[in-house]
Amino acid sequence: MSHNPEKQPRRLSAQEKRRKDLRDLLRTANGPQVLEALRKWEVGKWALRFVAVTVLAFCAVFCALFMWFAVLAFNDMSSLD
């Protein structure tokens, strides 16, 4: 039994399938609207990442300052003995 790879269609990866679906969607009548929505989502996604990283950085700095003050307070209390 011989298999001819040219006769069987190659399975698409997930990324290739998304691209094919997007191309098919853009061929429809509302393609420009879909493209604009995707562009807006791309900008929104980067804005969301920026906000998330900023909030995480703020939390990290706040936690570090809190720990620093806690250590200073603990050292002050232990020196009172």
PDB file of N, CA and C in Angstrom:
ATOM      1  N   MET A   1       0.848  -1.179   0.000  1.00  0.00           N
ATOM      2  CA  MET A   1       0.000   0.000   0.000  1.00  0.00           C
ATOM      3  C   MET A   1       0.891   1.239   0.000  1.00  0.00           C
ATOM      4  N   SER A   2       0.855   1.988  -1.052  1.00  0.00           N
ATOM      5  CA  SER A   2       1.709   3.163  -1.157  1.00  0.00           C
ATOM      6  C   SER A   2       0.876   4.418  -0.921  1.00  0.00           C
ATOM      7  N   HIS A   3       1.455   5.310  -0.171  1.00  0.00           N
ATOM      8  CA  HIS A   3       0.787   6.582   0.104  1.00  0.00           C
ATOM      9  C   HIS A   3       1.406   7.654  -0.767  1.00  0.00           C
ATOM     10  N   ASN A   4       0.588   8.377  -1.446  1.00  0.00           N
ATOM     11  CA  ASN A   4       1.052   9.492  -2.256  1.00  0.00           C
ATOM     12  C   ASN A   4       0.731  10.771  -1.487  1.00  0.00           C
ATOM     13  N   PRO A   5       1.750  11.470  -0.990  1.00  0.00           N
ATOM     14  CA  PRO A   5       1.471  12.665  -0.177  1.00  0.00           C
ATOM     15  C   PRO A   5       0.792  13.790  -0.951  1.00  0.00           C
ATOM     16  N   GLU A   6       0.891  13.758  -2.275  1.00  0.00           N
ATOM     17  CA  GLU A   6       0.273  14.820  -3.065  1.00  0.00           C
ATOM     18  C   GLU A   6      -1.234  14.673  -3.126  1.00  0.00           C
ATOM     19  N   LYS A   7      -1.750  13.467  -2.914  1.00  0.00           N
ATOM     20  CA  LYS A   7      -3.191  13.249  -3.012  1.00  0.00           C
ATOM     21  C   LYS A   7      -3.907  13.646  -1.729  1.00  0.00           C
ATOM     22  N   GLN A   8      -3.240  13.519  -0.584  1.00  0.00           N
ATOM     23  CA  GLN A   8      -3.868  13.883   0.679  1.00  0.00           C
ATOM     24  C   GLN A   8      -3.599  15.356   0.968  1.00  0.00           C
ATOM     25  N   PRO A   9      -4.650  16.106   1.297  1.00  0.00           N
ATOM     26  CA  PRO A   9      -4.408  17.507   1.637  1.00  0.00           C
ATOM     27  C   PRO A   9      -3.660  17.607   2.974  1.00  0.00           C
ATOM     28  N   ARG A  10      -2.750  18.545   3.001  1.00  0.00           N
ATOM     29  CA  ARG A  10      -1.945  18.743   4.212  1.00  0.00           C
ATOM     30  C   ARG A  10      -2.814  19.385   5.284  1.00  0.00           C
ATOM     31  N   ARG A  11      -2.662  18.918   6.533  1.00  0.00           N
ATOM     32  CA  ARG A  11      -3.409  19.520   7.637  1.00  0.00           C
ATOM     33  C   ARG A  11      -2.827  20.897   7.945  1.00  0.00           C
ATOM     34  N   LEU A  12      -3.718  21.861   8.110  1.00  0.00           N
ATOM     35  CA  LEU A  12      -3.288  23.222   8.404  1.00  0.00           C
ATOM     36  C   LEU A  12      -3.026  23.363   9.901  1.00  0.00           C
ATOM     37  N   SER A  13      -2.005  24.129  10.213  1.00  0.00           N
ATOM     38  CA  SER A  13      -1.764  24.445  11.622  1.00  0.00           C
ATOM     39  C   SER A  13      -2.834  25.436  12.073  1.00  0.00           C
ATOM     40  N   ALA A  14      -2.905  25.666  13.376  1.00  0.00           N
ATOM     41  CA  ALA A  14      -3.924  26.572  13.907  1.00  0.00           C
ATOM     42  C   ALA A  14      -3.746  27.986  13.353  1.00  0.00           C
ATOM     43  N   GLN A  15      -2.476  28.424  13.260  1.00  0.00           N
ATOM     44  CA  GLN A  15      -2.227  29.770  12.744  1.00  0.00           C
ATOM     45  C   GLN A  15      -2.612  29.864  11.258  1.00  0.00           C
ATOM     46  N   GLU A  16      -2.274  28.837  10.491  1.00  0.00           N
ATOM     47  CA  GLU A  16      -2.635  28.845   9.070  1.00  0.00           C
ATOM     48  C   GLU A  16      -4.152  28.818   8.901  1.00  0.00           C
ATOM     49  N   LYS A  17      -4.832  28.075   9.764  1.00  0.00           N
ATOM     50  CA  LYS A  17      -6.292  28.010   9.688  1.00  0.00           C
ATOM     51  C   LYS A  17      -6.897  29.379   9.999  1.00  0.00           C
ATOM     52  N   ARG A  18      -6.364  30.069  11.021  1.00  0.00           N
ATOM     53  CA  ARG A  18      -6.874  31.411  11.338  1.00  0.00           C
ATOM     54  C   ARG A  18      -6.660  32.360  10.165  1.00  0.00           C
ATOM     55  N   ARG A  19      -5.485  32.273   9.543  1.00  0.00           N
ATOM     56  CA  ARG A  19      -5.218  33.147   8.385  1.00  0.00           C
ATOM     57  C   ARG A  19      -6.175  32.856   7.244  1.00  0.00           C
ATOM     58  N   LYS A  20      -6.416  31.563   6.998  1.00  0.00           N
ATOM     59  CA  LYS A  20      -7.334  31.187   5.920  1.00  0.00           C
ATOM     60  C   LYS A  20      -8.744  31.676   6.238  1.00  0.00           C
ATOM     61  N   ASP A  21      -9.180  31.497   7.489  1.00  0.00           N
ATOM     62  CA  ASP A  21     -10.508  31.981   7.885  1.00  0.00           C
ATOM     63  C   ASP A  21     -10.597  33.496   7.733  1.00  0.00           C
ATOM     64  N   LEU A  22      -9.528  34.202   8.103  1.00  0.00           N
ATOM     65  CA  LEU A  22      -9.524  35.662   7.987  1.00  0.00           C
ATOM     66  C   LEU A  22      -9.590  36.078   6.518  1.00  0.00           C
ATOM     67  N   ARG A  23      -8.822  35.391   5.668  1.00  0.00           N
ATOM     68  CA  ARG A  23      -8.882  35.713   4.229  1.00  0.00           C
ATOM     69  C   ARG A  23     -10.283  35.473   3.686  1.00  0.00           C
ATOM     70  N   ASP A  24     -10.904  34.356   4.095  1.00  0.00           N
ATOM     71  CA  ASP A  24     -12.264  34.074   3.629  1.00  0.00           C
ATOM     72  C   ASP A  24     -13.244  35.135   4.121  1.00  0.00           C
ATOM     73  N   LEU A  25     -13.055  35.577   5.367  1.00  0.00           N
ATOM     74  CA  LEU A  25     -13.933  36.593   5.920  1.00  0.00           C
ATOM     75  C   LEU A  25     -13.756  37.926   5.202  1.00  0.00           C
ATOM     76  N   LEU A  26     -12.502  38.259   4.856  1.00  0.00           N
ATOM     77  CA  LEU A  26     -12.246  39.533   4.182  1.00  0.00           C
ATOM     78  C   LEU A  26     -12.771  39.539   2.750  1.00  0.00           C
ATOM     79  N   ARG A  27     -13.025  38.368   2.196  1.00  0.00           N
ATOM     80  CA  ARG A  27     -13.584  38.308   0.837  1.00  0.00           C
ATOM     81  C   ARG A  27     -15.080  38.598   0.834  1.00  0.00           C
ATOM     82  N   THR A  28     -15.709  38.575   2.008  1.00  0.00           N
ATOM     83  CA  THR A  28     -17.146  38.828   2.070  1.00  0.00           C
ATOM     84  C   THR A  28     -17.415  40.314   1.880  1.00  0.00           C
ATOM     85  N   ALA A  29     -18.699  40.677   1.894  1.00  0.00           N
ATOM     86  CA  ALA A  29     -19.091  42.062   1.611  1.00  0.00           C
ATOM     87  C   ALA A  29     -18.625  43.028   2.697  1.00  0.00           C
ATOM     88  N   ASN A  30     -18.557  42.565   3.948  1.00  0.00           N
ATOM     89  CA  ASN A  30     -18.188  43.482   5.019  1.00  0.00           C
ATOM     90  C   ASN A  30     -16.719  43.347   5.397  1.00  0.00           C
ATOM     91  N   GLY A  31     -15.889  43.003   4.464  1.00  0.00           N
ATOM     92  CA  GLY A  31     -14.460  42.848   4.711  1.00  0.00           C
ATOM     93  C   GLY A  31     -13.775  44.081   5.273  1.00  0.00           C
ATOM     94  N   PRO A  32     -14.003  45.282   4.709  1.00  0.00           N
ATOM     95  CA  PRO A  32     -13.342  46.482   5.244  1.00  0.00           C
ATOM     96  C   PRO A  32     -13.706  46.756   6.709  1.00  0.00           C
ATOM     97  N   GLN A  33     -14.971  46.511   7.090  1.00  0.00           N
ATOM     98  CA  GLN A  33     -15.372  46.716   8.477  1.00  0.00           C
ATOM     99  C   GLN A  33     -14.649  45.743   9.393  1.00  0.00           C
ATOM    100  N   VAL A  34     -14.494  44.507   8.937  1.00  0.00           N
ATOM    101  CA  VAL A  34     -13.793  43.495   9.736  1.00  0.00           C
ATOM    102  C   VAL A  34     -12.336  43.904   9.908  1.00  0.00           C
ATOM    103  N   LEU A  35     -11.732  44.379   8.826  1.00  0.00           N
ATOM    104  CA  LEU A  35     -10.334  44.791   8.886  1.00  0.00           C
ATOM    105  C   LEU A  35     -10.146  45.960   9.853  1.00  0.00           C
ATOM    106  N   GLU A  36     -11.062  46.906   9.833  1.00  0.00           N
ATOM    107  CA  GLU A  36     -10.985  48.047  10.756  1.00  0.00           C
ATOM    108  C   GLU A  36     -11.159  47.594  12.203  1.00  0.00           C
ATOM    109  N   ALA A  37     -12.065  46.650  12.442  1.00  0.00           N
ATOM    110  CA  ALA A  37     -12.273  46.136  13.794  1.00  0.00           C
ATOM    111  C   ALA A  37     -11.020  45.419  14.287  1.00  0.00           C
ATOM    112  N   LEU A  38     -10.374  44.686  13.401  1.00  0.00           N
ATOM    113  CA  LEU A  38      -9.136  44.000  13.783  1.00  0.00           C
ATOM    114  C   LEU A  38      -8.040  45.001  14.111  1.00  0.00           C
ATOM    115  N   ARG A  39      -7.954  46.072  13.336  1.00  0.00           N
ATOM    116  CA  ARG A  39      -6.956  47.105  13.601  1.00  0.00           C
ATOM    117  C   ARG A  39      -7.196  47.752  14.966  1.00  0.00           C
ATOM    118  N   LYS A  40      -8.462  48.043  15.271  1.00  0.00           N
ATOM    119  CA  LYS A  40      -8.795  48.639  16.563  1.00  0.00           C
ATOM    120  C   LYS A  40      -8.470  47.672  17.695  1.00  0.00           C
ATOM    121  N   TRP A  41      -8.744  46.383  17.490  1.00  0.00           N
ATOM    122  CA  TRP A  41      -8.454  45.398  18.534  1.00  0.00           C
ATOM    123  C   TRP A  41      -6.949  45.301  18.762  1.00  0.00           C
ATOM    124  N   GLU A  42      -6.166  45.407  17.699  1.00  0.00           N
ATOM    125  CA  GLU A  42      -4.710  45.343  17.845  1.00  0.00           C
ATOM    126  C   GLU A  42      -4.220  46.509  18.699  1.00  0.00           C
ATOM    127  N   VAL A  43      -4.730  47.705  18.446  1.00  0.00           N
ATOM    128  CA  VAL A  43      -4.356  48.875  19.247  1.00  0.00           C
ATOM    129  C   VAL A  43      -4.839  48.690  20.680  1.00  0.00           C
ATOM    130  N   GLY A  44      -6.063  48.212  20.841  1.00  0.00           N
ATOM    131  CA  GLY A  44      -6.614  47.998  22.170  1.00  0.00           C
ATOM    132  C   GLY A  44      -5.842  46.952  22.947  1.00  0.00           C
ATOM    133  N   LYS A  45      -5.371  45.940  22.245  1.00  0.00           N
ATOM    134  CA  LYS A  45      -4.607  44.883  22.902  1.00  0.00           C
ATOM    135  C   LYS A  45      -3.298  45.450  23.455  1.00  0.00           C
ATOM    136  N   TRP A  46      -2.639  46.308  22.685  1.00  0.00           N
ATOM    137  CA  TRP A  46      -1.384  46.909  23.172  1.00  0.00           C
ATOM    138  C   TRP A  46      -1.649  47.869  24.320  1.00  0.00           C
ATOM    139  N   ALA A  47      -2.757  48.601  24.247  1.00  0.00           N
ATOM    140  CA  ALA A  47      -3.112  49.502  25.351  1.00  0.00           C
ATOM    141  C   ALA A  47      -3.395  48.704  26.620  1.00  0.00           C
ATOM    142  N   LEU A  48      -4.079  47.588  26.473  1.00  0.00           N
ATOM    143  CA  LEU A  48      -4.378  46.730  27.621  1.00  0.00           C
ATOM    144  C   LEU A  48      -3.095  46.167  28.222  1.00  0.00           C
ATOM    145  N   ARG A  49      -2.168  45.757  27.378  1.00  0.00           N
ATOM    146  CA  ARG A  49      -0.872  45.262  27.876  1.00  0.00           C
ATOM    147  C   ARG A  49      -0.121  46.356  28.624  1.00  0.00           C
ATOM    148  N   PHE A  50      -0.144  47.580  28.093  1.00  0.00           N
ATOM    149  CA  PHE A  50       0.538  48.696  28.741  1.00  0.00           C
ATOM    150  C   PHE A  50      -0.056  48.960  30.118  1.00  0.00           C
ATOM    151  N   VAL A  51      -1.371  48.974  30.202  1.00  0.00           N
ATOM    152  CA  VAL A  51      -2.031  49.206  31.491  1.00  0.00           C
ATOM    153  C   VAL A  51      -1.693  48.086  32.467  1.00  0.00           C
ATOM    154  N   ALA A  52      -1.708  46.836  32.002  1.00  0.00           N
ATOM    155  CA  ALA A  52      -1.413  45.709  32.886  1.00  0.00           C
ATOM    156  C   ALA A  52       0.016  45.780  33.413  1.00  0.00           C
ATOM    157  N   VAL A  53       0.962  46.088  32.541  1.00  0.00           N
ATOM    158  CA  VAL A  53       2.366  46.177  32.968  1.00  0.00           C
ATOM    159  C   VAL A  53       2.562  47.346  33.931  1.00  0.00           C
ATOM    160  N   THR A  54       1.889  48.470  33.673  1.00  0.00           N
ATOM    161  CA  THR A  54       1.996  49.621  34.568  1.00  0.00           C
ATOM    162  C   THR A  54       1.436  49.294  35.949  1.00  0.00           C
ATOM    163  N   VAL A  55       0.289  48.639  35.995  1.00  0.00           N
ATOM    164  CA  VAL A  55      -0.309  48.274  37.285  1.00  0.00           C
ATOM    165  C   VAL A  55       0.586  47.291  38.026  1.00  0.00           C
ATOM    166  N   LEU A  56       1.131  46.308  37.323  1.00  0.00           N
ATOM    167  CA  LEU A  56       2.024  45.340  37.971  1.00  0.00           C
ATOM    168  C   LEU A  56       3.289  46.018  38.500  1.00  0.00           C
ATOM    169  N   ALA A  57       3.836  46.948  37.742  1.00  0.00           N
ATOM    170  CA  ALA A  57       5.031  47.666  38.202  1.00  0.00           C
ATOM    171  C   ALA A  57       4.713  48.493  39.438  1.00  0.00           C
ATOM    172  N   PHE A  58       3.567  49.166  39.438  1.00  0.00           N
ATOM    173  CA  PHE A  58       3.163  49.947  40.601  1.00  0.00           C
ATOM    174  C   PHE A  58       3.009  49.049  41.824  1.00  0.00           C
ATOM    175  N   CYS A  59       2.385  47.894  41.655  1.00  0.00           N
ATOM    176  CA  CYS A  59       2.207  46.959  42.772  1.00  0.00           C
ATOM    177  C   CYS A  59       3.559  46.459  43.287  1.00  0.00           C
ATOM    178  N   ALA A  60       4.483  46.183  42.384  1.00  0.00           N
ATOM    179  CA  ALA A  60       5.808  45.709  42.797  1.00  0.00           C
ATOM    180  C   ALA A  60       6.539  46.779  43.612  1.00  0.00           C
ATOM    181  N   VAL A  61       6.480  48.027  43.160  1.00  0.00           N
ATOM    182  CA  VAL A  61       7.133  49.124  43.894  1.00  0.00           C
ATOM    183  C   VAL A  61       6.460  49.321  45.247  1.00  0.00           C
ATOM    184  N   PHE A  62       5.140  49.292  45.271  1.00  0.00           N
ATOM    185  CA  PHE A  62       4.413  49.458  46.525  1.00  0.00           C
ATOM    186  C   PHE A  62       4.775  48.340  47.511  1.00  0.00           C
ATOM    187  N   CYS A  63       4.813  47.109  47.047  1.00  0.00           N
ATOM    188  CA  CYS A  63       5.173  45.983  47.928  1.00  0.00           C
ATOM    189  C   CYS A  63       6.609  46.124  48.437  1.00  0.00           C
ATOM    190  N   ALA A  64       7.514  46.543  47.577  1.00  0.00           N
ATOM    191  CA  ALA A  64       8.903  46.711  47.999  1.00  0.00           C
ATOM    192  C   ALA A  64       9.009  47.804  49.062  1.00  0.00           C
ATOM    193  N   LEU A  65       8.330  48.927  48.870  1.00  0.00           N
ATOM    194  CA  LEU A  65       8.350  50.000  49.871  1.00  0.00           C
ATOM    195  C   LEU A  65       7.716  49.548  51.183  1.00  0.00           C
ATOM    196  N   PHE A  66       6.615  48.823  51.086  1.00  0.00           N
ATOM    197  CA  PHE A  66       5.953  48.322  52.287  1.00  0.00           C
ATOM    198  C   PHE A  66       6.879  47.399  53.076  1.00  0.00           C
ATOM    199  N   MET A  67       7.549  46.494  52.361  1.00  0.00           N
ATOM    200  CA  MET A  67       8.478  45.575  53.039  1.00  0.00           C
ATOM    201  C   MET A  67       9.641  46.347  53.658  1.00  0.00           C
ATOM    202  N   TRP A  68      10.120  47.356  52.962  1.00  0.00           N
ATOM    203  CA  TRP A  68      11.241  48.148  53.480  1.00  0.00           C
ATOM    204  C   TRP A  68      10.841  48.857  54.779  1.00  0.00           C
ATOM    205  N   PHE A  69       9.645  49.484  54.757  1.00  0.00           N
ATOM    206  CA  PHE A  69       9.175  50.148  55.975  1.00  0.00           C
ATOM    207  C   PHE A  69       8.904  49.142  57.092  1.00  0.00           C
ATOM    208  N   ALA A  70       8.409  47.966  56.746  1.00  0.00           N
ATOM    209  CA  ALA A  70       8.159  46.938  57.756  1.00  0.00           C
ATOM    210  C   ALA A  70       9.474  46.506  58.405  1.00  0.00           C
ATOM    211  N   VAL A  71      10.500  46.333  57.617  1.00  0.00           N
ATOM    212  CA  VAL A  71      11.811  45.952  58.157  1.00  0.00           C
ATOM    213  C   VAL A  71      12.354  47.071  59.038  1.00  0.00           C
ATOM    214  N   LEU A  72      12.223  48.325  58.599  1.00  0.00           N
ATOM    215  CA  LEU A  72      12.684  49.447  59.421  1.00  0.00           C
ATOM    216  C   LEU A  72      11.933  49.501  60.749  1.00  0.00           C
ATOM    217  N   ALA A  73      10.627  49.322  60.712  1.00  0.00           N
ATOM    218  CA  ALA A  73       9.834  49.357  61.941  1.00  0.00           C
ATOM    219  C   ALA A  73      10.219  48.203  62.860  1.00  0.00           C
ATOM    220  N   PHE A  74      10.427  47.023  62.310  1.00  0.00           N
ATOM    221  CA  PHE A  74      10.806  45.865  63.115  1.00  0.00           C
ATOM    222  C   PHE A  74      12.172  46.098  63.759  1.00  0.00           C
ATOM    223  N   ASN A  75      13.113  46.677  63.017  1.00  0.00           N
ATOM    224  CA  ASN A  75      14.435  46.969  63.575  1.00  0.00           C
ATOM    225  C   ASN A  75      14.337  47.996  64.700  1.00  0.00           C
ATOM    226  N   ASP A  76      13.472  48.999  64.540  1.00  0.00           N
ATOM    227  CA  ASP A  76      13.284  49.997  65.596  1.00  0.00           C
ATOM    228  C   ASP A  76      12.711  49.356  66.857  1.00  0.00           C
ATOM    229  N   MET A  77      11.735  48.457  66.665  1.00  0.00           N
ATOM    230  CA  MET A  77      11.128  47.812  67.830  1.00  0.00           C
ATOM    231  C   MET A  77      12.117  46.891  68.533  1.00  0.00           C
ATOM    232  N   SER A  78      12.939  46.203  67.758  1.00  0.00           N
ATOM    233  CA  SER A  78      13.882  45.274  68.385  1.00  0.00           C
ATOM    234  C   SER A  78      15.016  46.024  69.085  1.00  0.00           C
ATOM    235  N   SER A  79      15.272  47.265  68.680  1.00  0.00           N
ATOM    236  CA  SER A  79      16.336  48.038  69.339  1.00  0.00           C
ATOM    237  C   SER A  79      15.848  48.650  70.650  1.00  0.00           C
ATOM    238  N   LEU A  80      14.532  48.666  70.884  1.00  0.00           N
ATOM    239  CA  LEU A  80      13.994  49.218  72.118  1.00  0.00           C
ATOM    240  C   LEU A  80      14.220  48.300  73.314  1.00  0.00           C
ATOM    241  N   ASP A  81      14.428  47.037  73.042  1.00  0.00           N
ATOM    242  CA  ASP A  81      14.618  46.065  74.150  1.00  0.00           C
ATOM    243  C   ASP A  81      15.881  46.302  74.919  1.00  0.00           C
TER     244      ASP A  81
END
